[in-house]
Amino acid sequence: MRVNANIFWLLTVFFGLAGAVYTVWSIIDFPNNPHREGGSPVEWVGTLAISLGGVMSAFLAFYISITKKAQGGELPEDTATADIDDGDPELGHFSPWSWWPFVLAFGLALIFLGFAVGIWIAFIGAPIALIGIIGWQFEYYRGNFAR
């Protein structure tokens, strides 16, 4: 995790410098650019986008640094000499035979298609997505796989 945090700190510095260079360059280029008559010499869209990329990198680096300090040492995934068996074997419970993720994906695809094409399609997809969520959540309460 320390390497990840350092990479994001490095990205923070890069985006900060790139934002400063972009801002200065847009101010210098302002008189020569025929598409930007009048207004501010700073091109705000690019300046804010690059600068906010640096802010996001700083947020991620800070979060990863705090998480590393809170975990109380190096995890097996972070050491080069660790074996596969050193990690936590419990990764969760997955249902390889479940069809409910496909139902949910179909419902969500109809919802997003409805936002792009016509809202009436989203009204068809919403109940399908709701059925998919409920079915996926409660698939172990009925049928062959009930607990």
C-alpha atoms as a PDB file:
ATOM      1  CA  MET A   1       0.000   0.000   0.000  1.00  0.00           C
ATOM      2  CA  ARG A   2       2.933   2.291   0.584  1.00  0.00           C
ATOM      3  CA  VAL A   3       3.863   2.050  -3.094  1.00  0.00           C
ATOM      4  CA  ASN A   4       0.286   2.874  -4.105  1.00  0.00           C
ATOM      5  CA  ALA A   5       0.235   5.915  -1.838  1.00  0.00           C
ATOM      6  CA  ASN A   6       3.569   7.106  -3.237  1.00  0.00           C
ATOM      7  CA  ILE A   7       2.294   6.719  -6.797  1.00  0.00           C
ATOM      8  CA  PHE A   8      -0.754   8.844  -6.011  1.00  0.00           C
ATOM      9  CA  TRP A   9       1.404  11.474  -4.263  1.00  0.00           C
ATOM     10  CA  LEU A  10       3.567  11.546  -7.381  1.00  0.00           C
ATOM     11  CA  LEU A  11       0.448  11.974  -9.521  1.00  0.00           C
ATOM     12  CA  THR A  12      -0.647  14.831  -7.252  1.00  0.00           C
ATOM     13  CA  VAL A  13       2.618  16.652  -7.878  1.00  0.00           C
ATOM     14  CA  PHE A  14       2.406  15.927 -11.615  1.00  0.00           C
ATOM     15  CA  PHE A  15      -1.148  17.227 -11.942  1.00  0.00           C
ATOM     16  CA  GLY A  16      -0.293  20.285  -9.857  1.00  0.00           C
ATOM     17  CA  LEU A  17       2.634  21.155 -12.105  1.00  0.00           C
ATOM     18  CA  ALA A  18       0.666  20.328 -15.255  1.00  0.00           C
ATOM     19  CA  GLY A  19      -2.193  22.564 -14.105  1.00  0.00           C
ATOM     20  CA  ALA A  20       0.184  25.447 -13.421  1.00  0.00           C
ATOM     21  CA  VAL A  21       1.934  25.022 -16.784  1.00  0.00           C
ATOM     22  CA  TYR A  22      -1.426  24.776 -18.580  1.00  0.00           C
ATOM     23  CA  THR A  23      -2.688  27.950 -16.923  1.00  0.00           C
ATOM     24  CA  VAL A  24       0.446  29.942 -17.710  1.00  0.00           C
ATOM     25  CA  TRP A  25       0.499  28.615 -21.259  1.00  0.00           C
ATOM     26  CA  SER A  26      -3.138  29.609 -21.833  1.00  0.00           C
ATOM     27  CA  ILE A  27      -2.424  33.115 -20.530  1.00  0.00           C
ATOM     28  CA  ILE A  28       0.602  33.449 -22.817  1.00  0.00           C
ATOM     29  CA  ASP A  29      -1.325  32.110 -25.825  1.00  0.00           C
ATOM     30  CA  PHE A  30      -4.384  34.316 -25.212  1.00  0.00           C
ATOM     31  CA  PRO A  31      -3.505  37.146 -27.645  1.00  0.00           C
ATOM     32  CA  ASN A  32      -2.643  34.677 -30.441  1.00  0.00           C
ATOM     33  CA  ASN A  33      -5.819  32.570 -30.187  1.00  0.00           C
ATOM     34  CA  PRO A  34      -8.572  33.861 -32.519  1.00  0.00           C
ATOM     35  CA  HIS A  35     -11.224  31.628 -30.918  1.00  0.00           C
ATOM     36  CA  ARG A  36     -10.993  33.328 -27.498  1.00  0.00           C
ATOM     37  CA  GLU A  37     -11.854  36.947 -28.123  1.00  0.00           C
ATOM     38  CA  GLY A  38     -12.624  38.928 -24.998  1.00  0.00           C
ATOM     39  CA  GLY A  39     -13.191  37.378 -21.602  1.00  0.00           C
ATOM     40  CA  SER A  40     -10.621  35.895 -19.290  1.00  0.00           C
ATOM     41  CA  PRO A  41      -7.156  34.988 -20.519  1.00  0.00           C
ATOM     42  CA  VAL A  42      -7.315  31.816 -18.423  1.00  0.00           C
ATOM     43  CA  GLU A  43      -8.877  28.776 -20.086  1.00  0.00           C
ATOM     44  CA  TRP A  44     -10.906  27.605 -17.092  1.00  0.00           C
ATOM     45  CA  VAL A  45     -12.154  24.229 -18.274  1.00  0.00           C
ATOM     46  CA  GLY A  46      -8.730  22.688 -18.756  1.00  0.00           C
ATOM     47  CA  THR A  47      -7.251  24.453 -15.744  1.00  0.00           C
ATOM     48  CA  LEU A  48      -9.954  23.162 -13.406  1.00  0.00           C
ATOM     49  CA  ALA A  49      -9.964  19.664 -14.914  1.00  0.00           C
ATOM     50  CA  ILE A  50      -6.217  19.196 -14.509  1.00  0.00           C
ATOM     51  CA  SER A  51      -6.164  20.801 -11.058  1.00  0.00           C
ATOM     52  CA  LEU A  52      -9.063  18.709  -9.817  1.00  0.00           C
ATOM     53  CA  GLY A  53      -7.260  15.619 -11.104  1.00  0.00           C
ATOM     54  CA  GLY A  54      -4.471  16.583  -8.715  1.00  0.00           C
ATOM     55  CA  VAL A  55      -6.937  17.108  -5.879  1.00  0.00           C
ATOM     56  CA  MET A  56      -8.450  13.674  -6.489  1.00  0.00           C
ATOM     57  CA  SER A  57      -4.997  12.094  -6.526  1.00  0.00           C
ATOM     58  CA  ALA A  58      -4.253  13.789  -3.200  1.00  0.00           C
ATOM     59  CA  PHE A  59      -7.511  12.453  -1.715  1.00  0.00           C
ATOM     60  CA  LEU A  60      -6.665   8.920  -2.816  1.00  0.00           C
ATOM     61  CA  ALA A  61      -3.070   9.139  -1.593  1.00  0.00           C
ATOM     62  CA  PHE A  62      -4.223  10.448   1.791  1.00  0.00           C
ATOM     63  CA  TYR A  63      -6.847   7.710   2.118  1.00  0.00           C
ATOM     64  CA  ILE A  64      -4.408   4.958   1.209  1.00  0.00           C
ATOM     65  CA  SER A  65      -1.808   6.363   3.646  1.00  0.00           C
ATOM     66  CA  ILE A  66      -4.316   6.470   6.506  1.00  0.00           C
ATOM     67  CA  THR A  67      -5.578   2.968   5.680  1.00  0.00           C
ATOM     68  CA  LYS A  68      -2.040   1.602   5.702  1.00  0.00           C
ATOM     69  CA  LYS A  69      -1.361   3.126   9.126  1.00  0.00           C
ATOM     70  CA  ALA A  70      -4.648   1.802  10.510  1.00  0.00           C
ATOM     71  CA  GLN A  71      -4.154  -1.804   9.367  1.00  0.00           C
ATOM     72  CA  GLY A  72      -1.277  -2.329  11.784  1.00  0.00           C
ATOM     73  CA  GLY A  73       1.473  -3.599   9.529  1.00  0.00           C
ATOM     74  CA  GLU A  74       2.073  -4.978   6.093  1.00  0.00           C
ATOM     75  CA  LEU A  75      -0.532  -7.262   4.598  1.00  0.00           C
ATOM     76  CA  PRO A  76       0.598 -10.464   2.867  1.00  0.00           C
ATOM     77  CA  GLU A  77      -0.452  -8.949  -0.455  1.00  0.00           C
ATOM     78  CA  ASP A  78       2.103  -6.159   0.041  1.00  0.00           C
ATOM     79  CA  THR A  79       5.169  -8.297   0.705  1.00  0.00           C
ATOM     80  CA  ALA A  80       7.206  -9.898  -2.052  1.00  0.00           C
ATOM     81  CA  THR A  81       8.006 -13.036  -0.016  1.00  0.00           C
ATOM     82  CA  ALA A  82       4.411 -13.961   0.824  1.00  0.00           C
ATOM     83  CA  ASP A  83       2.785 -17.148  -0.384  1.00  0.00           C
ATOM     84  CA  ILE A  84      -0.762 -17.474  -1.659  1.00  0.00           C
ATOM     85  CA  ASP A  85      -1.767 -19.295   1.522  1.00  0.00           C
ATOM     86  CA  ASP A  86      -0.684 -16.365   3.723  1.00  0.00           C
ATOM     87  CA  GLY A  87      -3.671 -14.264   2.676  1.00  0.00           C
ATOM     88  CA  ASP A  88      -7.184 -14.489   4.029  1.00  0.00           C
ATOM     89  CA  PRO A  89      -8.864 -17.434   2.268  1.00  0.00           C
ATOM     90  CA  GLU A  90     -12.413 -16.138   2.789  1.00  0.00           C
ATOM     91  CA  LEU A  91     -13.230 -13.861  -0.130  1.00  0.00           C
ATOM     92  CA  GLY A  92     -16.988 -14.075   0.121  1.00  0.00           C
ATOM     93  CA  HIS A  93     -19.764 -16.293  -1.111  1.00  0.00           C
ATOM     94  CA  PHE A  94     -20.532 -16.385  -4.795  1.00  0.00           C
ATOM     95  CA  SER A  95     -23.219 -18.261  -6.704  1.00  0.00           C
ATOM     96  CA  PRO A  96     -21.794 -19.548  -9.967  1.00  0.00           C
ATOM     97  CA  TRP A  97     -25.171 -20.982 -11.052  1.00  0.00           C
ATOM     98  CA  SER A  98     -27.218 -17.850 -10.377  1.00  0.00           C
ATOM     99  CA  TRP A  99     -29.158 -16.235 -13.229  1.00  0.00           C
ATOM    100  CA  TRP A 100     -30.214 -13.212 -11.174  1.00  0.00           C
ATOM    101  CA  PRO A 101     -27.216 -11.033 -12.149  1.00  0.00           C
ATOM    102  CA  PHE A 102     -28.289 -11.382 -15.788  1.00  0.00           C
ATOM    103  CA  VAL A 103     -31.850 -10.353 -14.938  1.00  0.00           C
ATOM    104  CA  LEU A 104     -30.541  -7.345 -13.023  1.00  0.00           C
ATOM    105  CA  ALA A 105     -28.160  -6.392 -15.844  1.00  0.00           C
ATOM    106  CA  PHE A 106     -30.981  -6.638 -18.376  1.00  0.00           C
ATOM    107  CA  GLY A 107     -33.217  -4.406 -16.250  1.00  0.00           C
ATOM    108  CA  LEU A 108     -30.461  -1.835 -15.759  1.00  0.00           C
ATOM    109  CA  ALA A 109     -29.648  -1.910 -19.470  1.00  0.00           C
ATOM    110  CA  LEU A 110     -33.289  -1.127 -20.233  1.00  0.00           C
ATOM    111  CA  ILE A 111     -33.264   1.724 -17.693  1.00  0.00           C
ATOM    112  CA  PHE A 112     -30.161   3.323 -19.221  1.00  0.00           C
ATOM    113  CA  LEU A 113     -31.479   2.716 -22.724  1.00  0.00           C
ATOM    114  CA  GLY A 114     -34.652   4.466 -21.625  1.00  0.00           C
ATOM    115  CA  PHE A 115     -32.666   7.508 -20.506  1.00  0.00           C
ATOM    116  CA  ALA A 116     -30.991   7.640 -23.922  1.00  0.00           C
ATOM    117  CA  VAL A 117     -33.879   6.740 -26.245  1.00  0.00           C
ATOM    118  CA  GLY A 118     -37.218   7.200 -24.536  1.00  0.00           C
ATOM    119  CA  ILE A 119     -38.194   7.326 -20.888  1.00  0.00           C
ATOM    120  CA  TRP A 120     -40.983   4.791 -21.408  1.00  0.00           C
ATOM    121  CA  ILE A 121     -38.354   2.039 -21.802  1.00  0.00           C
ATOM    122  CA  ALA A 122     -36.976   2.916 -18.352  1.00  0.00           C
ATOM    123  CA  PHE A 123     -40.424   2.313 -16.874  1.00  0.00           C
ATOM    124  CA  ILE A 124     -40.297  -1.218 -18.287  1.00  0.00           C
ATOM    125  CA  GLY A 125     -36.748  -1.810 -17.039  1.00  0.00           C
ATOM    126  CA  ALA A 126     -37.298  -0.572 -13.471  1.00  0.00           C
ATOM    127  CA  PRO A 127     -39.552  -3.471 -12.361  1.00  0.00           C
ATOM    128  CA  ILE A 128     -37.239  -5.968 -14.056  1.00  0.00           C
ATOM    129  CA  ALA A 129     -34.246  -4.518 -12.190  1.00  0.00           C
ATOM    130  CA  LEU A 130     -36.188  -4.560  -8.919  1.00  0.00           C
ATOM    131  CA  ILE A 131     -37.130  -8.216  -9.478  1.00  0.00           C
ATOM    132  CA  GLY A 132     -33.477  -8.983 -10.237  1.00  0.00           C
ATOM    133  CA  ILE A 133     -32.272  -7.332  -7.006  1.00  0.00           C
ATOM    134  CA  ILE A 134     -34.873  -9.081  -4.873  1.00  0.00           C
ATOM    135  CA  GLY A 135     -34.320 -12.432  -6.570  1.00  0.00           C
ATOM    136  CA  TRP A 136     -30.547 -12.223  -6.177  1.00  0.00           C
ATOM    137  CA  GLN A 137     -30.859 -11.247  -2.520  1.00  0.00           C
ATOM    138  CA  PHE A 138     -33.295 -14.006  -1.581  1.00  0.00           C
ATOM    139  CA  GLU A 139     -32.164 -16.865  -3.854  1.00  0.00           C
ATOM    140  CA  TYR A 140     -30.961 -18.905  -0.879  1.00  0.00           C
ATOM    141  CA  TYR A 141     -34.297 -18.686   0.944  1.00  0.00           C
ATOM    142  CA  ARG A 142     -36.302 -20.832  -1.504  1.00  0.00           C
ATOM    143  CA  GLY A 143     -35.936 -23.890  -3.680  1.00  0.00           C
ATOM    144  CA  ASN A 144     -33.048 -26.356  -3.781  1.00  0.00           C
ATOM    145  CA  PHE A 145     -30.542 -24.037  -2.130  1.00  0.00           C
ATOM    146  CA  ALA A 146     -32.613 -22.917   0.879  1.00  0.00           C
ATOM    147  CA  ARG A 147     -30.752 -22.863   4.156  1.00  0.00           C
END
